[in-house]
Amino acid sequence: MIARLERYIDKKGMEVNIGKTKVMRFRKGGGRERKMKWRWKGKELEEVKEYKYLGYTGCLDDPVPPVNDV
């Protein structure tokens, strides 16, 4: 999936800031979590459990509040 995104970004002439780019993986169901390495053009991306965006911290452990509660 990341390879497809890389091709799309290149085709559109865009760039990705690797220093600010993180991966937040959502899983459905239980089971053991597999450790994965995420790479963008050969550089490893950090996988995080929470991420701050536009003043809101998204977290895998907390449900997203409805828009009217924000």
Protein backbone atom coordinates (compact mmCIF):
# COMPACT_ATOMS: atom_id res chain seq x y z
CA MET A 1 0.00 0.00 0.00
CA ILE A 2 2.82 2.43 0.80
CA ALA A 3 4.46 1.64 -2.56
CA ARG A 4 1.25 2.68 -4.35
CA LEU A 5 1.16 5.91 -2.34
CA GLU A 6 4.83 6.59 -3.22
CA ARG A 7 4.04 6.23 -6.94
CA TYR A 8 1.01 8.53 -6.63
CA ILE A 9 2.98 11.20 -4.74
CA ASP A 10 5.80 11.05 -7.32
CA LYS A 11 3.34 11.25 -10.22
CA LYS A 12 1.70 14.37 -8.73
CA GLY A 13 5.11 16.00 -8.06
CA MET A 14 4.54 16.14 -4.32
CA GLU A 15 6.97 15.49 -1.47
CA VAL A 16 6.61 13.81 1.92
CA ASN A 17 8.37 15.25 4.98
CA ILE A 18 9.85 12.07 6.46
CA GLY A 19 10.71 13.87 9.72
CA LYS A 20 7.03 14.58 10.38
CA THR A 21 5.56 11.40 8.94
CA LYS A 22 4.39 8.68 11.34
CA VAL A 23 2.36 5.50 10.90
CA MET A 24 -0.67 4.75 13.05
CA ARG A 25 -1.94 1.22 12.44
CA PHE A 26 -5.52 0.25 13.20
CA ARG A 27 -6.28 -3.43 13.70
CA LYS A 28 -9.58 -5.18 13.77
CA GLY A 29 -10.15 -8.01 16.22
CA GLY A 30 -7.81 -9.67 18.68
CA GLY A 31 -4.83 -11.86 18.25
CA ARG A 32 -1.14 -11.18 18.50
CA GLU A 33 0.19 -7.96 17.09
CA ARG A 34 2.86 -8.48 14.44
CA LYS A 35 5.83 -6.14 14.53
CA MET A 36 6.12 -4.40 11.18
CA LYS A 37 8.72 -2.15 9.59
CA TRP A 38 7.26 0.74 7.61
CA ARG A 39 9.48 2.37 4.98
CA TRP A 40 9.14 5.37 2.71
CA LYS A 41 11.69 5.35 -0.12
CA GLY A 42 14.02 3.18 1.94
CA LYS A 43 13.77 5.24 5.15
CA GLU A 44 12.08 3.71 8.17
CA LEU A 45 8.93 5.38 9.50
CA GLU A 46 8.00 5.35 13.17
CA GLU A 47 4.84 3.50 14.20
CA VAL A 48 2.98 5.33 16.98
CA LYS A 49 -0.03 4.62 19.21
CA GLU A 50 -1.08 8.28 19.38
CA TYR A 51 -0.58 11.27 17.10
CA LYS A 52 -1.28 14.97 17.50
CA TYR A 53 -2.92 16.68 14.52
CA LEU A 54 -4.49 20.14 14.47
CA GLY A 55 -4.45 20.28 18.27
CA TYR A 56 -6.21 16.94 18.74
CA THR A 57 -4.33 13.89 19.99
CA GLY A 58 -5.66 10.74 18.39
CA CYS A 59 -5.04 7.59 20.39
CA LEU A 60 -5.61 3.94 19.51
CA ASP A 61 -6.88 3.19 23.01
CA ASP A 62 -9.52 5.96 23.14
CA PRO A 63 -12.56 6.24 20.87
CA VAL A 64 -12.81 9.38 18.75
CA PRO A 65 -15.35 11.79 20.28
CA PRO A 66 -18.28 12.92 18.12
CA VAL A 67 -17.73 16.27 16.39
CA ASN A 68 -20.37 18.03 18.52
CA ASP A 69 -18.44 17.04 21.70
CA VAL A 70 -15.16 18.65 20.62
